[in-house]
Amino acid sequence: MRLLCALALVLARSAAQEPAPQEPPEEDAGVAAAREYAFNPLQAEKEFKVGVHYARKGSHKAAAMRFREAVKWNPGMAEAWLRLGESLEKQGEKKEAREAYGKYLELEPEGKSARQLRAKLARKP
């Protein structure tokens, strides 16, 4: 009788156990990269600060990624556009840097770096 009870208990436990979880399907890179952005100045500030940290360490690619995130969360964040331009320029991405600098100048035509940027953009084709 004990043997039958033990066997019944083992069978009940195995039936009650959940099946092993299946591996999640592979994510498509395009789907994984797609993200909804809404105006969020707090998130923009966080991304900006991390970008500044990377820039100080000399990791300009990582810094540019963070500054891009910052301007997606807050497109009016002029300082992030300026820093994005600097990071891109240091990577040799001159065209993208000029675009970022242009956006900075749109937002801050009289900003602290505006005069220097205009001179720089006038010199370099």
Foldseek 3Di string as FASTA:
>chain_A
DVVVVVVVVVVVVVVPDDDDDDDDDDDDPVVVPDDDEDADQVQLVVLQVVLVVCVVVVNLVSSLVSLVVSCSNPVLPLVSLQSNLVSCVVVVNNVSSLVSLVSSCVNCVPDPCNVVNVVVVVPDD
